[in-house]
Amino acid sequence: MQNRFMRSFFLLLALAVLPLGPGLGQGSDADYCAKLAEVALRYLGRLQDGANKPDGDTVVAIDRCQKGDTASGIAILEPKLLKAGFSLPQR
């Protein structure tokens, strides 16, 4: 039951990132934060129950992006992605 809840939670978290963008009124920073979050959700984290689960810092960064604190979210996600060897998406 707990595994089902966790899968649902992370799926909803991943889907919640999609609406970021023009609706927030911050344009490019919100779009860029959403792109970073998408890459982080897809590729970073630990494999558990057949799915990649993001770490706490990634979850916090995505939450900040969603709440409009894009500068803080970007500041967390960019170094994590670079350290993992990823190229950053264009702004």
PDB file of N, CA and C in Angstrom:
ATOM      1  N   MET A   1       0.824  -1.194   0.000  1.00  0.00           N
ATOM      2  CA  MET A   1       0.000   0.000   0.000  1.00  0.00           C
ATOM      3  C   MET A   1       0.867   1.256   0.000  1.00  0.00           C
ATOM      4  N   GLN A   2       1.929   1.250   0.831  1.00  0.00           N
ATOM      5  CA  GLN A   2       2.811   2.403   0.887  1.00  0.00           C
ATOM      6  C   GLN A   2       3.528   2.606  -0.442  1.00  0.00           C
ATOM      7  N   ASN A   3       3.939   1.508  -1.103  1.00  0.00           N
ATOM      8  CA  ASN A   3       4.602   1.620  -2.404  1.00  0.00           C
ATOM      9  C   ASN A   3       3.667   2.251  -3.430  1.00  0.00           C
ATOM     10  N   ARG A   4       2.416   1.867  -3.386  1.00  0.00           N
ATOM     11  CA  ARG A   4       1.435   2.433  -4.312  1.00  0.00           C
ATOM     12  C   ARG A   4       1.289   3.937  -4.069  1.00  0.00           C
ATOM     13  N   PHE A   5       1.242   4.319  -2.789  1.00  0.00           N
ATOM     14  CA  PHE A   5       1.139   5.739  -2.437  1.00  0.00           C
ATOM     15  C   PHE A   5       2.360   6.497  -2.935  1.00  0.00           C
ATOM     16  N   MET A   6       3.555   5.958  -2.720  1.00  0.00           N
ATOM     17  CA  MET A   6       4.777   6.639  -3.143  1.00  0.00           C
ATOM     18  C   MET A   6       4.821   6.784  -4.666  1.00  0.00           C
ATOM     19  N   ARG A   7       4.443   5.750  -5.376  1.00  0.00           N
ATOM     20  CA  ARG A   7       4.419   5.834  -6.842  1.00  0.00           C
ATOM     21  C   ARG A   7       3.457   6.929  -7.293  1.00  0.00           C
ATOM     22  N   SER A   8       2.285   6.950  -6.684  1.00  0.00           N
ATOM     23  CA  SER A   8       1.290   7.967  -7.034  1.00  0.00           C
ATOM     24  C   SER A   8       1.807   9.364  -6.711  1.00  0.00           C
ATOM     25  N   PHE A   9       2.442   9.497  -5.550  1.00  0.00           N
ATOM     26  CA  PHE A   9       2.973  10.790  -5.148  1.00  0.00           C
ATOM     27  C   PHE A   9       3.992  11.302  -6.158  1.00  0.00           C
ATOM     28  N   PHE A  10       4.956  10.462  -6.550  1.00  0.00           N
ATOM     29  CA  PHE A  10       5.990  10.905  -7.466  1.00  0.00           C
ATOM     30  C   PHE A  10       5.443  11.121  -8.880  1.00  0.00           C
ATOM     31  N   LEU A  11       4.442  10.354  -9.269  1.00  0.00           N
ATOM     32  CA  LEU A  11       3.815  10.585 -10.563  1.00  0.00           C
ATOM     33  C   LEU A  11       3.107  11.940 -10.564  1.00  0.00           C
ATOM     34  N   LEU A  12       2.384  12.231  -9.499  1.00  0.00           N
ATOM     35  CA  LEU A  12       1.706  13.525  -9.400  1.00  0.00           C
ATOM     36  C   LEU A  12       2.713  14.667  -9.336  1.00  0.00           C
ATOM     37  N   LEU A  13       3.814  14.445  -8.639  1.00  0.00           N
ATOM     38  CA  LEU A  13       4.856  15.451  -8.580  1.00  0.00           C
ATOM     39  C   LEU A  13       5.419  15.730  -9.969  1.00  0.00           C
ATOM     40  N   ALA A  14       5.679  14.670 -10.718  1.00  0.00           N
ATOM     41  CA  ALA A  14       6.201  14.827 -12.080  1.00  0.00           C
ATOM     42  C   ALA A  14       5.186  15.552 -12.967  1.00  0.00           C
ATOM     43  N   LEU A  15       3.923  15.200 -12.853  1.00  0.00           N
ATOM     44  CA  LEU A  15       2.901  15.841 -13.674  1.00  0.00           C
ATOM     45  C   LEU A  15       2.677  17.288 -13.272  1.00  0.00           C
ATOM     46  N   ALA A  16       2.899  17.598 -12.011  1.00  0.00           N
ATOM     47  CA  ALA A  16       2.693  18.963 -11.538  1.00  0.00           C
ATOM     48  C   ALA A  16       3.704  19.929 -12.126  1.00  0.00           C
ATOM     49  N   VAL A  17       4.832  19.434 -12.559  1.00  0.00           N
ATOM     50  CA  VAL A  17       5.860  20.293 -13.144  1.00  0.00           C
ATOM     51  C   VAL A  17       5.426  20.798 -14.516  1.00  0.00           C
ATOM     52  N   LEU A  18       4.635  20.035 -15.223  1.00  0.00           N
ATOM     53  CA  LEU A  18       4.264  20.379 -16.587  1.00  0.00           C
ATOM     54  C   LEU A  18       3.585  21.735 -16.740  1.00  0.00           C
ATOM     55  N   PRO A  19       2.677  22.140 -15.834  1.00  0.00           N
ATOM     56  CA  PRO A  19       2.011  23.418 -16.035  1.00  0.00           C
ATOM     57  C   PRO A  19       2.903  24.640 -15.842  1.00  0.00           C
ATOM     58  N   LEU A  20       4.106  24.467 -15.317  1.00  0.00           N
ATOM     59  CA  LEU A  20       4.980  25.616 -15.134  1.00  0.00           C
ATOM     60  C   LEU A  20       5.252  26.283 -16.476  1.00  0.00           C
ATOM     61  N   GLY A  21       5.313  27.559 -16.490  1.00  0.00           N
ATOM     62  CA  GLY A  21       5.620  28.254 -17.729  1.00  0.00           C
ATOM     63  C   GLY A  21       4.884  29.563 -17.818  1.00  0.00           C
ATOM     64  N   PRO A  22       4.279  29.819 -18.974  1.00  0.00           N
ATOM     65  CA  PRO A  22       3.663  31.119 -19.206  1.00  0.00           C
ATOM     66  C   PRO A  22       2.612  31.502 -18.178  1.00  0.00           C
ATOM     67  N   GLY A  23       1.955  30.534 -17.571  1.00  0.00           N
ATOM     68  CA  GLY A  23       0.913  30.836 -16.605  1.00  0.00           C
ATOM     69  C   GLY A  23       1.433  31.517 -15.353  1.00  0.00           C
ATOM     70  N   LEU A  24       2.705  31.379 -15.059  1.00  0.00           N
ATOM     71  CA  LEU A  24       3.255  31.988 -13.856  1.00  0.00           C
ATOM     72  C   LEU A  24       3.661  33.436 -14.068  1.00  0.00           C
ATOM     73  N   GLY A  25       3.746  33.870 -15.295  1.00  0.00           N
ATOM     74  CA  GLY A  25       4.083  35.249 -15.567  1.00  0.00           C
ATOM     75  C   GLY A  25       5.565  35.551 -15.469  1.00  0.00           C
ATOM     76  N   GLN A  26       6.386  34.560 -15.139  1.00  0.00           N
ATOM     77  CA  GLN A  26       7.814  34.798 -15.062  1.00  0.00           C
ATOM     78  C   GLN A  26       8.517  34.337 -16.324  1.00  0.00           C
ATOM     79  N   GLY A  27       7.761  33.823 -17.260  1.00  0.00           N
ATOM     80  CA  GLY A  27       8.284  33.464 -18.571  1.00  0.00           C
ATOM     81  C   GLY A  27       9.475  32.545 -18.534  1.00  0.00           C
ATOM     82  N   SER A  28      10.598  33.028 -19.006  1.00  0.00           N
ATOM     83  CA  SER A  28      11.737  32.168 -19.264  1.00  0.00           C
ATOM     84  C   SER A  28      12.301  31.503 -18.016  1.00  0.00           C
ATOM     85  N   ASP A  29      12.348  32.188 -16.869  1.00  0.00           N
ATOM     86  CA  ASP A  29      12.862  31.553 -15.666  1.00  0.00           C
ATOM     87  C   ASP A  29      11.976  30.383 -15.232  1.00  0.00           C
ATOM     88  N   ALA A  30      10.676  30.561 -15.312  1.00  0.00           N
ATOM     89  CA  ALA A  30       9.758  29.484 -14.947  1.00  0.00           C
ATOM     90  C   ALA A  30       9.885  28.321 -15.929  1.00  0.00           C
ATOM     91  N   ASP A  31      10.001  28.627 -17.211  1.00  0.00           N
ATOM     92  CA  ASP A  31      10.173  27.577 -18.215  1.00  0.00           C
ATOM     93  C   ASP A  31      11.480  26.823 -18.000  1.00  0.00           C
ATOM     94  N   TYR A  32      12.543  27.572 -17.735  1.00  0.00           N
ATOM     95  CA  TYR A  32      13.855  26.969 -17.523  1.00  0.00           C
ATOM     96  C   TYR A  32      13.848  26.089 -16.269  1.00  0.00           C
ATOM     97  N   CYS A  33      13.245  26.574 -15.210  1.00  0.00           N
ATOM     98  CA  CYS A  33      13.146  25.806 -13.969  1.00  0.00           C
ATOM     99  C   CYS A  33      12.368  24.508 -14.217  1.00  0.00           C
ATOM    100  N   ALA A  34      11.315  24.592 -14.993  1.00  0.00           N
ATOM    101  CA  ALA A  34      10.525  23.402 -15.322  1.00  0.00           C
ATOM    102  C   ALA A  34      11.339  22.408 -16.138  1.00  0.00           C
ATOM    103  N   LYS A  35      12.158  22.909 -17.075  1.00  0.00           N
ATOM    104  CA  LYS A  35      13.005  22.011 -17.871  1.00  0.00           C
ATOM    105  C   LYS A  35      14.027  21.310 -16.990  1.00  0.00           C
ATOM    106  N   LEU A  36      14.654  22.066 -16.093  1.00  0.00           N
ATOM    107  CA  LEU A  36      15.615  21.470 -15.166  1.00  0.00           C
ATOM    108  C   LEU A  36      14.940  20.404 -14.300  1.00  0.00           C
ATOM    109  N   ALA A  37      13.757  20.727 -13.801  1.00  0.00           N
ATOM    110  CA  ALA A  37      13.021  19.791 -12.950  1.00  0.00           C
ATOM    111  C   ALA A  37      12.670  18.518 -13.714  1.00  0.00           C
ATOM    112  N   GLU A  38      12.285  18.667 -14.962  1.00  0.00           N
ATOM    113  CA  GLU A  38      11.935  17.500 -15.779  1.00  0.00           C
ATOM    114  C   GLU A  38      13.134  16.566 -15.944  1.00  0.00           C
ATOM    115  N   VAL A  39      14.294  17.142 -16.246  1.00  0.00           N
ATOM    116  CA  VAL A  39      15.508  16.326 -16.407  1.00  0.00           C
ATOM    117  C   VAL A  39      15.877  15.667 -15.079  1.00  0.00           C
ATOM    118  N   ALA A  40      15.808  16.432 -13.998  1.00  0.00           N
ATOM    119  CA  ALA A  40      16.148  15.889 -12.679  1.00  0.00           C
ATOM    120  C   ALA A  40      15.213  14.750 -12.291  1.00  0.00           C
ATOM    121  N   LEU A  41      13.928  14.922 -12.521  1.00  0.00           N
ATOM    122  CA  LEU A  41      12.970  13.861 -12.200  1.00  0.00           C
ATOM    123  C   LEU A  41      13.212  12.611 -13.029  1.00  0.00           C
ATOM    124  N   ARG A  42      13.566  12.803 -14.278  1.00  0.00           N
ATOM    125  CA  ARG A  42      13.738  11.676 -15.178  1.00  0.00           C
ATOM    126  C   ARG A  42      15.028  10.904 -14.906  1.00  0.00           C
ATOM    127  N   TYR A  43      16.104  11.616 -14.592  1.00  0.00           N
ATOM    128  CA  TYR A  43      17.412  10.965 -14.577  1.00  0.00           C
ATOM    129  C   TYR A  43      18.144  10.912 -13.239  1.00  0.00           C
ATOM    130  N   LEU A  44      17.808  11.763 -12.299  1.00  0.00           N
ATOM    131  CA  LEU A  44      18.500  11.748 -11.017  1.00  0.00           C
ATOM    132  C   LEU A  44      17.685  10.993  -9.982  1.00  0.00           C
ATOM    133  N   GLY A  45      18.321  10.570  -8.957  1.00  0.00           N
ATOM    134  CA  GLY A  45      17.636   9.866  -7.889  1.00  0.00           C
ATOM    135  C   GLY A  45      18.086   8.429  -7.802  1.00  0.00           C
ATOM    136  N   ARG A  46      17.411   7.685  -6.963  1.00  0.00           N
ATOM    137  CA  ARG A  46      17.743   6.278  -6.759  1.00  0.00           C
ATOM    138  C   ARG A  46      16.627   5.409  -7.325  1.00  0.00           C
ATOM    139  N   LEU A  47      17.030   4.297  -7.886  1.00  0.00           N
ATOM    140  CA  LEU A  47      16.062   3.354  -8.427  1.00  0.00           C
ATOM    141  C   LEU A  47      15.432   2.585  -7.279  1.00  0.00           C
ATOM    142  N   GLN A  48      14.122   2.707  -7.152  1.00  0.00           N
ATOM    143  CA  GLN A  48      13.357   2.008  -6.126  1.00  0.00           C
ATOM    144  C   GLN A  48      12.058   1.524  -6.744  1.00  0.00           C
ATOM    145  N   ASP A  49      11.778   0.264  -6.557  1.00  0.00           N
ATOM    146  CA  ASP A  49      10.530  -0.312  -7.060  1.00  0.00           C
ATOM    147  C   ASP A  49      10.349  -0.060  -8.551  1.00  0.00           C
ATOM    148  N   GLY A  50      11.444  -0.086  -9.297  1.00  0.00           N
ATOM    149  CA  GLY A  50      11.383   0.066 -10.741  1.00  0.00           C
ATOM    150  C   GLY A  50      11.210   1.497 -11.227  1.00  0.00           C
ATOM    151  N   ALA A  51      11.299   2.461 -10.309  1.00  0.00           N
ATOM    152  CA  ALA A  51      11.147   3.866 -10.694  1.00  0.00           C
ATOM    153  C   ALA A  51      12.276   4.686 -10.084  1.00  0.00           C
ATOM    154  N   ASN A  52      12.636   5.758 -10.744  1.00  0.00           N
ATOM    155  CA  ASN A  52      13.666   6.658 -10.253  1.00  0.00           C
ATOM    156  C   ASN A  52      13.029   7.636  -9.272  1.00  0.00           C
ATOM    157  N   LYS A  53      13.454   7.605  -8.016  1.00  0.00           N
ATOM    158  CA  LYS A  53      12.896   8.479  -6.980  1.00  0.00           C
ATOM    159  C   LYS A  53      13.860   9.629  -6.716  1.00  0.00           C
ATOM    160  N   PRO A  54      13.399  10.856  -6.817  1.00  0.00           N
ATOM    161  CA  PRO A  54      14.284  12.000  -6.571  1.00  0.00           C
ATOM    162  C   PRO A  54      14.643  12.118  -5.091  1.00  0.00           C
ATOM    163  N   ASP A  55      15.802  12.716  -4.825  1.00  0.00           N
ATOM    164  CA  ASP A  55      16.196  12.937  -3.440  1.00  0.00           C
ATOM    165  C   ASP A  55      15.456  14.155  -2.889  1.00  0.00           C
ATOM    166  N   GLY A  56      15.636  14.397  -1.598  1.00  0.00           N
ATOM    167  CA  GLY A  56      14.925  15.483  -0.936  1.00  0.00           C
ATOM    168  C   GLY A  56      15.227  16.855  -1.505  1.00  0.00           C
ATOM    169  N   ASP A  57      16.495  17.098  -1.849  1.00  0.00           N
ATOM    170  CA  ASP A  57      16.862  18.398  -2.422  1.00  0.00           C
ATOM    171  C   ASP A  57      16.147  18.653  -3.748  1.00  0.00           C
ATOM    172  N   THR A  58      16.037  17.613  -4.553  1.00  0.00           N
ATOM    173  CA  THR A  58      15.350  17.753  -5.841  1.00  0.00           C
ATOM    174  C   THR A  58      13.873  18.053  -5.637  1.00  0.00           C
ATOM    175  N   VAL A  59      13.259  17.371  -4.687  1.00  0.00           N
ATOM    176  CA  VAL A  59      11.841  17.609  -4.387  1.00  0.00           C
ATOM    177  C   VAL A  59      11.639  19.049  -3.916  1.00  0.00           C
ATOM    178  N   VAL A  60      12.538  19.525  -3.045  1.00  0.00           N
ATOM    179  CA  VAL A  60      12.454  20.906  -2.552  1.00  0.00           C
ATOM    180  C   VAL A  60      12.606  21.891  -3.707  1.00  0.00           C
ATOM    181  N   ALA A  61      13.582  21.646  -4.588  1.00  0.00           N
ATOM    182  CA  ALA A  61      13.815  22.543  -5.718  1.00  0.00           C
ATOM    183  C   ALA A  61      12.593  22.613  -6.626  1.00  0.00           C
ATOM    184  N   ILE A  62      11.994  21.472  -6.909  1.00  0.00           N
ATOM    185  CA  ILE A  62      10.810  21.443  -7.766  1.00  0.00           C
ATOM    186  C   ILE A  62       9.658  22.204  -7.106  1.00  0.00           C
ATOM    187  N   ASP A  63       9.507  22.021  -5.805  1.00  0.00           N
ATOM    188  CA  ASP A  63       8.466  22.738  -5.067  1.00  0.00           C
ATOM    189  C   ASP A  63       8.687  24.248  -5.167  1.00  0.00           C
ATOM    190  N   ARG A  64       9.931  24.668  -5.038  1.00  0.00           N
ATOM    191  CA  ARG A  64      10.234  26.099  -5.135  1.00  0.00           C
ATOM    192  C   ARG A  64       9.934  26.626  -6.533  1.00  0.00           C
ATOM    193  N   CYS A  65      10.278  25.853  -7.545  1.00  0.00           N
ATOM    194  CA  CYS A  65       9.966  26.257  -8.921  1.00  0.00           C
ATOM    195  C   CYS A  65       8.461  26.433  -9.095  1.00  0.00           C
ATOM    196  N   GLN A  66       7.700  25.487  -8.563  1.00  0.00           N
ATOM    197  CA  GLN A  66       6.248  25.528  -8.710  1.00  0.00           C
ATOM    198  C   GLN A  66       5.629  26.710  -7.981  1.00  0.00           C
ATOM    199  N   LYS A  67       6.249  27.125  -6.882  1.00  0.00           N
ATOM    200  CA  LYS A  67       5.710  28.229  -6.094  1.00  0.00           C
ATOM    201  C   LYS A  67       6.213  29.589  -6.557  1.00  0.00           C
ATOM    202  N   GLY A  68       6.996  29.598  -7.663  1.00  0.00           N
ATOM    203  CA  GLY A  68       7.458  30.859  -8.227  1.00  0.00           C
ATOM    204  C   GLY A  68       8.815  31.311  -7.734  1.00  0.00           C
ATOM    205  N   ASP A  69       9.432  30.565  -6.827  1.00  0.00           N
ATOM    206  CA  ASP A  69      10.777  30.895  -6.351  1.00  0.00           C
ATOM    207  C   ASP A  69      11.787  30.229  -7.281  1.00  0.00           C
ATOM    208  N   THR A  70      11.779  30.670  -8.545  1.00  0.00           N
ATOM    209  CA  THR A  70      12.588  30.018  -9.566  1.00  0.00           C
ATOM    210  C   THR A  70      14.083  30.172  -9.310  1.00  0.00           C
ATOM    211  N   ALA A  71      14.510  31.307  -8.791  1.00  0.00           N
ATOM    212  CA  ALA A  71      15.940  31.525  -8.539  1.00  0.00           C
ATOM    213  C   ALA A  71      16.474  30.474  -7.569  1.00  0.00           C
ATOM    214  N   SER A  72      15.721  30.203  -6.534  1.00  0.00           N
ATOM    215  CA  SER A  72      16.146  29.214  -5.547  1.00  0.00           C
ATOM    216  C   SER A  72      16.106  27.797  -6.121  1.00  0.00           C
ATOM    217  N   GLY A  73      15.062  27.482  -6.875  1.00  0.00           N
ATOM    218  CA  GLY A  73      14.947  26.161  -7.495  1.00  0.00           C
ATOM    219  C   GLY A  73      16.058  25.905  -8.493  1.00  0.00           C
ATOM    220  N   ILE A  74      16.340  26.916  -9.312  1.00  0.00           N
ATOM    221  CA  ILE A  74      17.404  26.798 -10.309  1.00  0.00           C
ATOM    222  C   ILE A  74      18.758  26.631  -9.615  1.00  0.00           C
ATOM    223  N   ALA A  75      18.979  27.377  -8.525  1.00  0.00           N
ATOM    224  CA  ALA A  75      20.248  27.305  -7.799  1.00  0.00           C
ATOM    225  C   ALA A  75      20.499  25.908  -7.224  1.00  0.00           C
ATOM    226  N   ILE A  76      19.465  25.167  -6.955  1.00  0.00           N
ATOM    227  CA  ILE A  76      19.621  23.792  -6.456  1.00  0.00           C
ATOM    228  C   ILE A  76      19.805  22.821  -7.614  1.00  0.00           C
ATOM    229  N   LEU A  77      18.981  22.967  -8.650  1.00  0.00           N
ATOM    230  CA  LEU A  77      18.966  21.980  -9.735  1.00  0.00           C
ATOM    231  C   LEU A  77      20.175  22.056 -10.661  1.00  0.00           C
ATOM    232  N   GLU A  78      20.617  23.256 -11.008  1.00  0.00           N
ATOM    233  CA  GLU A  78      21.742  23.370 -11.943  1.00  0.00           C
ATOM    234  C   GLU A  78      22.988  22.623 -11.458  1.00  0.00           C
ATOM    235  N   PRO A  79      23.463  22.860 -10.234  1.00  0.00           N
ATOM    236  CA  PRO A  79      24.666  22.141  -9.790  1.00  0.00           C
ATOM    237  C   PRO A  79      24.479  20.632  -9.716  1.00  0.00           C
ATOM    238  N   LYS A  80      23.285  20.199  -9.323  1.00  0.00           N
ATOM    239  CA  LYS A  80      23.021  18.757  -9.248  1.00  0.00           C
ATOM    240  C   LYS A  80      23.140  18.108 -10.626  1.00  0.00           C
ATOM    241  N   LEU A  81      22.574  18.755 -11.628  1.00  0.00           N
ATOM    242  CA  LEU A  81      22.625  18.210 -12.982  1.00  0.00           C
ATOM    243  C   LEU A  81      24.043  18.258 -13.554  1.00  0.00           C
ATOM    244  N   LEU A  82      24.736  19.356 -13.323  1.00  0.00           N
ATOM    245  CA  LEU A  82      26.107  19.474 -13.817  1.00  0.00           C
ATOM    246  C   LEU A  82      27.020  18.438 -13.155  1.00  0.00           C
ATOM    247  N   LYS A  83      26.871  18.254 -11.858  1.00  0.00           N
ATOM    248  CA  LYS A  83      27.680  17.267 -11.129  1.00  0.00           C
ATOM    249  C   LYS A  83      27.439  15.855 -11.645  1.00  0.00           C
ATOM    250  N   ALA A  84      26.215  15.599 -12.093  1.00  0.00           N
ATOM    251  CA  ALA A  84      25.863  14.275 -12.628  1.00  0.00           C
ATOM    252  C   ALA A  84      26.279  14.126 -14.089  1.00  0.00           C
ATOM    253  N   GLY A  85      26.857  15.172 -14.683  1.00  0.00           N
ATOM    254  CA  GLY A  85      27.356  15.084 -16.044  1.00  0.00           C
ATOM    255  C   GLY A  85      26.387  15.486 -17.133  1.00  0.00           C
ATOM    256  N   PHE A  86      25.301  16.121 -16.772  1.00  0.00           N
ATOM    257  CA  PHE A  86      24.306  16.541 -17.760  1.00  0.00           C
ATOM    258  C   PHE A  86      24.612  17.943 -18.263  1.00  0.00           C
ATOM    259  N   SER A  87      24.288  18.182 -19.524  1.00  0.00           N
ATOM    260  CA  SER A  87      24.312  19.530 -20.075  1.00  0.00           C
ATOM    261  C   SER A  87      23.006  20.201 -19.661  1.00  0.00           C
ATOM    262  N   LEU A  88      23.080  21.476 -19.398  1.00  0.00           N
ATOM    263  CA  LEU A  88      21.876  22.194 -18.994  1.00  0.00           C
ATOM    264  C   LEU A  88      21.075  22.582 -20.227  1.00  0.00           C
ATOM    265  N   PRO A  89      19.731  22.545 -20.137  1.00  0.00           N
ATOM    266  CA  PRO A  89      18.901  22.971 -21.264  1.00  0.00           C
ATOM    267  C   PRO A  89      19.063  24.474 -21.506  1.00  0.00           C
ATOM    268  N   GLN A  90      18.712  24.901 -22.703  1.00  0.00           N
ATOM    269  CA  GLN A  90      18.789  26.321 -23.014  1.00  0.00           C
ATOM    270  C   GLN A  90      17.714  27.081 -22.257  1.00  0.00           C
ATOM    271  N   ARG A  91      18.034  28.311 -21.915  1.00  0.00           N
ATOM    272  CA  ARG A  91      17.066  29.171 -21.236  1.00  0.00           C
ATOM    273  C   ARG A  91      16.117  29.775 -22.212  1.00  0.00           C
TER     274      ARG A  91
END
